[in-house]
Protein backbone atom coordinates (compact mmCIF):
# COMPACT_ATOMS: atom_id res chain seq x y z
CA MET A 1 21.24 37.48 59.09
CA HIS A 2 23.87 39.67 57.47
CA LEU A 3 24.28 41.38 54.09
CA TYR A 4 27.54 42.32 52.38
CA LEU A 5 27.78 44.46 49.23
CA HIS A 6 31.03 44.52 47.28
CA ILE A 7 31.52 47.79 45.38
CA PRO A 8 34.39 46.92 42.99
CA PHE A 9 35.77 50.38 42.15
CA CYS A 10 38.67 52.52 43.34
CA ARG A 11 40.14 55.79 42.13
CA ARG A 12 43.64 54.36 42.45
CA ALA A 13 45.14 50.89 42.86
CA CYS A 14 47.05 50.47 46.12
CA HIS A 15 50.29 48.59 45.56
CA TYR A 16 49.48 45.88 48.14
CA CYS A 17 45.79 45.21 47.46
CA ASP A 18 44.62 41.97 45.83
CA PHE A 19 40.89 42.49 46.41
CA HIS A 20 38.75 42.63 43.29
CA PHE A 21 38.32 46.19 42.00
CA SER A 22 38.61 48.33 38.89
CA THR A 23 39.92 51.87 38.51
CA ASN A 24 37.73 52.33 35.40
CA LEU A 25 34.77 54.19 36.91
CA THR A 26 32.85 54.41 33.64
CA MET A 27 31.15 51.08 34.44
CA LYS A 28 30.21 52.01 38.01
CA SER A 29 26.54 52.88 37.48
CA THR A 30 26.01 49.78 35.32
CA VAL A 31 27.57 47.49 37.93
CA ILE A 32 25.50 49.09 40.69
CA GLU A 33 22.35 48.39 38.67
CA ALA A 34 23.47 44.77 38.35
CA ILE A 35 24.11 44.51 42.09
CA ILE A 36 20.56 45.76 42.69
CA ARG A 37 19.25 43.05 40.38
CA GLU A 38 21.34 40.43 42.16
CA ILE A 39 19.75 41.41 45.48
CA GLU A 40 16.42 40.57 43.84
CA PHE A 41 17.72 37.28 42.45
CA GLN A 42 19.12 36.29 45.87
CA ALA A 43 16.09 37.35 47.90
CA ASP A 44 15.45 33.82 49.16
CA TYR A 45 19.04 32.96 50.06
CA LEU A 46 18.80 33.91 53.75
CA SER A 47 16.38 31.90 55.88
CA ASN A 48 15.43 34.94 57.97
CA LYS A 49 14.51 38.31 56.46
CA GLU A 50 15.56 40.48 59.41
CA LEU A 51 19.06 41.90 58.95
CA GLN A 52 21.33 42.50 61.92
CA THR A 53 24.13 44.06 59.86
CA ILE A 54 24.77 45.53 56.42
CA TYR A 55 28.33 46.11 55.25
CA PHE A 56 29.38 48.11 52.20
CA GLY A 57 32.89 46.97 51.28
CA GLY A 58 35.17 46.98 48.28
CA GLY A 59 36.86 48.50 46.53
CA THR A 60 35.83 51.91 47.72
CA PRO A 61 32.10 52.10 48.51
CA SER A 62 32.49 55.72 49.60
CA LEU A 63 32.50 56.41 45.84
CA LEU A 64 28.75 55.72 45.73
CA ASN A 65 26.64 58.79 45.02
CA ILE A 66 23.34 59.67 46.67
CA ASN A 67 21.20 58.23 43.87
CA GLU A 68 23.08 54.92 43.91
CA LEU A 69 22.71 54.69 47.67
CA TYR A 70 19.00 55.44 47.40
CA ASP A 71 18.42 52.72 44.82
CA ILE A 72 20.41 50.16 46.82
CA PHE A 73 18.56 50.82 50.06
CA GLU A 74 15.19 50.79 48.32
CA ILE A 75 15.77 47.28 47.00
CA ILE A 76 17.15 46.05 50.33
CA LYS A 77 14.09 47.35 52.16
CA LYS A 78 11.84 45.68 49.61
CA TYR A 79 13.05 42.24 50.65
CA TYR A 80 14.34 42.65 54.20
CA THR A 81 13.49 44.26 57.50
CA PHE A 82 16.08 45.87 59.74
CA SER A 83 16.62 44.91 63.37
CA GLU A 84 16.16 47.77 65.82
CA ASP A 85 19.88 47.95 66.55
CA ILE A 86 21.12 47.19 63.03
CA GLU A 87 24.78 47.96 62.32
CA ILE A 88 25.30 49.56 58.89
CA THR A 89 28.96 50.01 57.96
CA LEU A 90 30.61 51.86 55.12
CA GLU A 91 34.27 51.40 54.19
CA ALA A 92 35.69 54.81 53.27
CA ASN A 93 38.93 56.43 52.23
CA PRO A 94 39.92 59.61 54.08
CA ASP A 95 39.81 61.69 50.90
CA ASP A 96 36.12 60.81 50.38
CA ILE A 97 34.99 62.00 53.81
CA THR A 98 33.44 65.46 53.80
CA LYS A 99 30.83 67.09 55.98
CA GLU A 100 28.29 66.85 53.15
CA ARG A 101 29.08 63.18 52.51
CA LEU A 102 28.74 62.31 56.19
CA ALA A 103 25.32 64.00 56.34
CA ILE A 104 24.18 61.90 53.38
CA LEU A 105 25.40 58.70 55.05
CA GLN A 106 23.51 59.54 58.23
CA ARG A 107 20.32 60.08 56.21
CA PHE A 108 20.58 56.51 54.93
CA GLY A 109 21.17 55.07 58.39
CA PHE A 110 24.91 54.40 58.31
CA ASN A 111 26.09 54.23 61.92
CA ARG A 112 29.58 52.78 61.54
CA LEU A 113 32.56 53.91 59.46
CA SER A 114 35.57 51.80 58.56
CA ILE A 115 38.27 54.25 57.46
CA GLY A 116 41.27 52.97 55.52
CA ILE A 117 44.12 55.02 56.95
CA GLN A 118 46.91 52.37 56.79
CA SER A 119 49.61 54.75 58.06
CA PHE A 120 50.09 58.27 59.38
CA ASN A 121 53.49 58.51 57.69
CA ASN A 122 53.52 60.26 54.32
CA ASP A 123 56.48 58.27 52.99
CA HIS A 124 54.73 55.01 53.79
CA LEU A 125 51.47 56.25 52.29
CA LYS A 126 53.29 57.06 49.06
CA LYS A 127 54.97 53.65 49.10
CA LEU A 128 51.54 52.01 49.46
CA ASN A 129 50.18 54.31 46.70
CA ARG A 130 47.44 55.76 48.89
CA ILE A 131 45.71 58.95 47.69
CA HIS A 132 45.41 60.68 51.06
CA ASP A 133 48.14 62.10 53.28
CA ALA A 134 48.65 61.98 57.04
CA VAL A 135 46.85 65.27 57.69
CA GLN A 136 43.75 64.06 55.84
CA ALA A 137 43.87 60.82 57.80
CA GLU A 138 43.55 62.61 61.12
CA GLN A 139 41.17 65.31 59.92
CA CYS A 140 38.63 62.90 58.45
CA VAL A 141 38.31 60.96 61.71
CA LYS A 142 37.85 64.13 63.71
CA LEU A 143 35.29 65.40 61.19
CA ALA A 144 33.31 62.16 61.43
CA GLN A 145 33.38 62.36 65.23
CA ASP A 146 32.24 65.99 65.18
CA THR A 147 29.40 65.04 62.81
CA GLY A 148 28.10 62.45 65.27
CA PHE A 149 29.70 59.18 64.20
CA GLU A 150 30.76 57.40 67.38
CA ASN A 151 31.28 53.89 66.03
CA ILE A 152 34.44 54.29 63.94
CA THR A 153 37.18 51.82 63.11
CA ILE A 154 40.44 52.63 61.36
CA ASP A 155 42.68 50.26 59.40
CA LEU A 156 46.44 50.22 59.86
CA ILE A 157 49.16 48.17 58.13
CA TYR A 158 52.31 46.97 59.88
CA ALA A 159 55.54 45.29 58.70
CA ILE A 160 56.13 47.96 56.04
CA PRO A 161 59.90 47.65 55.56
CA TYR A 162 61.94 50.18 57.53
CA ASP A 163 65.18 50.32 59.53
CA ASN A 164 63.47 50.34 62.92
CA HIS A 165 60.05 50.45 64.59
CA HIS A 166 59.84 54.22 65.07
CA ILE A 167 57.28 54.85 62.31
CA TRP A 168 55.06 52.01 63.50
CA GLU A 169 55.18 53.20 67.10
CA ASN A 170 54.29 56.71 65.94
CA ASP A 171 51.39 55.35 63.85
CA LEU A 172 49.97 53.67 66.94
CA GLU A 173 50.48 56.79 69.06
CA ARG A 174 48.58 58.93 66.55
CA ALA A 175 45.84 56.31 66.22
CA LEU A 176 45.32 56.23 69.98
CA ALA A 177 45.17 60.03 70.09
CA LEU A 178 42.06 59.87 67.89
CA ASN A 179 40.24 57.80 70.54
CA VAL A 180 38.33 55.60 68.12
CA PRO A 181 36.59 52.58 69.66
CA HIS A 182 37.93 50.04 67.15
CA ILE A 183 41.22 49.48 65.35
CA SER A 184 41.94 46.82 62.71
CA SER A 185 45.59 46.19 61.94
CA TYR A 186 46.91 43.85 59.28
CA CYS A 187 50.37 42.58 58.46
CA LEU A 188 51.56 43.65 55.04
CA THR A 189 51.50 40.69 52.67
CA ILE A 190 52.89 40.65 49.17
CA GLU A 191 50.44 38.99 46.79
CA GLU A 192 51.56 37.75 43.40
CA LYS A 193 49.19 39.79 41.21
CA THR A 194 49.74 43.13 42.95
CA VAL A 195 52.28 45.84 42.13
CA PHE A 196 54.30 44.76 45.17
CA GLY A 197 54.18 41.19 43.91
CA LYS A 198 55.63 42.22 40.57
CA TRP A 199 58.26 44.39 42.24
CA LEU A 200 59.28 41.48 44.46
CA GLN A 201 59.87 39.33 41.38
CA LEU A 202 62.05 42.10 39.94
CA ASN A 203 63.94 42.52 43.24
CA LYS A 204 62.70 46.12 43.51
CA ILE A 205 61.47 45.47 47.06
CA PRO A 206 62.58 42.98 49.72
CA PRO A 207 60.36 40.14 50.94
CA ILE A 208 58.56 40.62 54.23
CA ASN A 209 60.93 40.02 57.14
CA GLU A 210 59.06 37.63 59.44
CA ASP A 211 61.05 38.58 62.54
CA PHE A 212 60.42 42.28 61.86
CA ALA A 213 56.71 41.59 61.32
CA SER A 214 56.47 39.52 64.52
CA GLU A 215 58.08 42.27 66.56
CA GLN A 216 55.69 44.85 65.11
CA PHE A 217 52.77 42.56 65.97
CA ARG A 218 54.07 42.38 69.55
CA ILE A 219 54.32 46.19 69.67
CA LEU A 220 50.78 46.42 68.30
CA VAL A 221 49.29 44.12 70.93
CA ASP A 222 51.26 45.62 73.83
CA THR A 223 50.41 49.18 72.87
CA LEU A 224 46.70 48.68 72.27
CA GLU A 225 46.13 46.44 75.29
CA SER A 226 47.91 48.97 77.51
CA ALA A 227 45.52 51.61 76.16
CA GLY A 228 42.46 49.53 77.10
CA TYR A 229 41.75 47.79 73.80
CA GLU A 230 40.73 44.13 73.75
CA GLN A 231 42.20 41.90 71.06
CA TYR A 232 39.07 39.93 70.23
CA GLU A 233 40.38 38.68 66.88
CA ILE A 234 43.98 38.46 65.73
CA SER A 235 43.79 41.66 63.67
CA ASN A 236 40.96 43.44 65.50
CA PHE A 237 40.93 45.45 68.71
CA CYS A 238 38.15 47.37 70.44
CA GLN A 239 37.16 49.28 73.54
CA ASN A 240 33.98 48.67 75.54
CA ASN A 241 32.83 45.63 73.53
CA LYS A 242 32.60 47.64 70.30
CA TYR A 243 33.15 44.53 68.22
CA SER A 244 32.53 44.61 64.50
CA ARG A 245 29.23 42.76 64.58
CA HIS A 246 29.34 42.15 60.84
CA ASN A 247 32.82 40.67 60.73
CA SER A 248 32.12 38.70 63.89
CA SER A 249 29.23 37.05 62.05
CA TYR A 250 31.75 35.50 59.65
CA TRP A 251 33.95 34.21 62.45
CA GLN A 252 30.95 32.81 64.34
CA ARG A 253 29.38 31.08 61.31
CA HIS A 254 26.21 33.15 61.02
CA GLU A 255 24.36 33.21 57.71
CA TYR A 256 25.30 36.01 55.36
CA LEU A 257 24.62 36.99 51.78
CA GLY A 258 27.29 38.68 49.67
CA VAL A 259 26.32 40.49 46.48
CA GLY A 260 28.51 42.04 43.81
CA PRO A 261 31.53 40.76 41.88
CA SER A 262 33.79 38.50 44.03
CA ALA A 263 31.39 38.48 47.01
CA HIS A 264 31.00 35.29 49.07
CA SER A 265 27.89 33.92 50.79
CA TYR A 266 27.23 31.27 53.44
CA ASN A 267 23.92 29.82 54.65
CA GLY A 268 25.06 27.08 57.02
CA VAL A 269 24.79 24.38 54.37
CA SER A 270 26.75 25.74 51.41
CA ARG A 271 29.02 28.52 50.25
CA GLN A 272 28.88 30.43 47.01
CA TYR A 273 31.51 32.57 45.35
CA ASN A 274 30.58 35.28 42.86
CA ILE A 275 32.81 35.66 39.84
CA ALA A 276 35.59 38.25 40.30
CA ASN A 277 35.20 39.90 36.90
CA ASN A 278 32.98 42.90 36.29
CA VAL A 279 32.24 42.17 32.62
CA ALA A 280 31.42 38.50 33.25
CA TYR A 281 29.34 39.50 36.27
CA LEU A 282 27.30 41.96 34.19
CA LYS A 283 26.77 39.42 31.43
CA ALA A 284 25.41 36.80 33.83
CA ILE A 285 23.12 39.22 35.65
CA HIS A 286 21.70 40.49 32.34
CA GLN A 287 20.94 36.87 31.48
CA GLY A 288 19.04 36.50 34.76
CA GLN A 289 21.67 34.36 36.43
CA VAL A 290 23.64 34.63 39.67
CA PRO A 291 27.29 34.42 38.53
CA ALA A 292 28.46 32.16 41.35
CA ASP A 293 30.10 28.82 42.01
CA TYR A 294 28.44 26.72 44.70
CA GLU A 295 30.01 24.40 47.22
CA LEU A 296 27.90 22.04 49.34
CA LEU A 297 29.83 21.69 52.59
CA SER A 298 30.65 18.31 54.07
CA LYS A 299 30.80 17.93 57.85
CA GLU A 300 34.61 17.92 57.60
CA GLU A 301 34.59 21.19 55.65
CA LYS A 302 32.24 22.76 58.19
CA LEU A 303 34.62 21.72 60.94
CA ASN A 304 37.66 23.10 59.12
CA ASP A 305 35.86 26.41 58.58
CA TYR A 306 35.02 26.51 62.28
CA ILE A 307 38.63 25.88 63.29
CA LEU A 308 40.06 28.37 60.78
CA THR A 309 37.78 31.22 61.85
CA GLY A 310 37.12 30.35 65.48
CA LEU A 311 40.76 30.04 66.50
CA ARG A 312 41.39 33.60 65.32
CA THR A 313 38.98 34.96 67.94
CA LYS A 314 38.83 35.26 71.69
CA TRP A 315 35.80 32.93 71.61
CA GLY A 316 37.88 30.09 70.20
CA CYS A 317 36.53 26.65 69.27
CA ASN A 318 34.31 24.75 71.66
CA ILE A 319 35.15 21.07 71.98
CA ASN A 320 31.47 20.15 72.37
CA GLU A 321 30.67 21.99 69.13
CA ILE A 322 33.41 20.07 67.36
CA GLU A 323 31.96 16.79 68.61
CA LYS A 324 28.50 17.80 67.39
CA LEU A 325 29.95 18.25 63.91
CA VAL A 326 32.16 15.16 63.59
CA GLY A 327 31.91 13.06 66.75
CA ASP A 328 35.26 11.88 68.15
CA SER A 329 37.00 11.57 64.76
CA TRP A 330 38.71 14.94 65.16
CA HIS A 331 40.24 13.97 68.51
CA ILE A 332 41.42 10.65 67.15
CA ALA A 333 43.03 12.21 64.07
CA ASN A 334 44.63 15.20 65.81
CA GLN A 335 45.55 14.03 69.30
CA ALA A 336 49.31 14.15 68.70
CA VAL A 337 49.21 17.58 67.02
CA LEU A 338 46.90 18.95 69.69
CA THR A 339 49.16 17.67 72.47
CA LYS A 340 52.22 19.21 70.80
CA TYR A 341 50.67 22.67 70.54
CA LEU A 342 49.32 22.50 74.09
CA ASN A 343 52.73 21.47 75.45
CA ASN A 344 54.43 24.22 73.41
CA LYS A 345 51.96 26.70 74.91
CA LEU A 346 50.66 27.80 71.52
CA LEU A 347 47.17 26.50 72.37
CA GLN A 348 45.20 26.38 75.59
CA ILE A 349 41.94 24.77 76.72
CA ASN A 350 39.65 26.40 79.27
CA ASN A 351 36.06 25.34 79.93
CA GLN A 352 36.09 23.01 76.93
CA THR A 353 37.14 25.88 74.66
CA LEU A 354 40.29 25.82 72.57
CA THR A 355 42.02 29.18 72.03
CA LEU A 356 45.37 30.42 70.81
CA THR A 357 47.84 31.77 73.30
CA ARG A 358 49.48 35.09 72.61
CA GLN A 359 52.48 33.34 71.07
CA GLY A 360 50.17 31.02 69.16
CA LYS A 361 48.55 33.95 67.38
CA LEU A 362 51.77 34.38 65.42
CA PHE A 363 51.18 30.95 63.86
CA ALA A 364 47.38 30.95 63.63
CA ASP A 365 46.99 29.75 60.04
CA ARG A 366 49.58 27.01 60.42
CA ILE A 367 48.04 25.72 63.65
CA ALA A 368 44.55 25.77 62.18
CA SER A 369 45.59 23.86 59.07
CA ASP A 370 47.40 21.28 61.19
CA LEU A 371 44.13 20.71 63.08
CA PHE A 372 41.94 20.34 60.02
CA LEU A 373 40.10 17.06 59.49
CA ILE A 374 40.98 16.06 55.94
């Protein structure tokens, strides 16, 4: 069982981000109180009350103060027990990481940090509208390591427009020098409702160059694999099996509860989607309601979810598991598509498990959608 908390506040809006958040911090304490109440409302959602992971995401959950953290953990412990090796992750911005803050996090049991660095280049950081600079990015990781945090992941963004790959290669070099056990790296996407999306419409920035992005992805994989990192999911790399256990739970269809505005939940039978609006969320919670839409999953939808998430990982999709879900209907419907991707060496089958090849990872979403059972 897994618990996700969405803390929908940031000090500044990054130009690329389309996650739900607000830069108006005056509502923060009120929303946190509502999230605590939602945990109570949703106490029976998970079938098992022992948590293997807790993940504080956002937004910027490193904005939470000590009293807010105390109240959140008190309500979690009221309804759940923690497994002996529980993973408790906090997403954090480099500018929020101080020695005092790290000591507080350790008191509450946080044992994993996800630090949003994005780039070690100051010009790129300004372009993305990040608050921190390159020096802070390196210093915060070293400070966390010196304080005793061993399980650290950093986020990087590639395909930021530039004349060549020098900045990206330097970003990877500086990331490796920090010797963190996990690196997540995402291709820059331009979403319609972001600043970048508006700038694209006004021709203030160019669209993402797919060839440039593909080459940077190749550089990413080559560089990290040469340094001993395993690409266990398209955007995630780790050393010594230091997988993100929480994120892996999504890809492997474990049950999880998401609380807070815009959070999603899954219990094996249905999904629910909390409203992505702080005011509407507060109104519903104050009325004693969970502000969520519910979707009862058909066997075809369960299969499509399995293909979409499973293909992104090194564990792939097991043919026997597919047959358990839908019998032989998937094979009948997708035989020609499956054969095409196998012959084009974008897919491979080993021990009844379907996985993407290295080249196939460049087309993961397209391949998955082509294999859906509609």
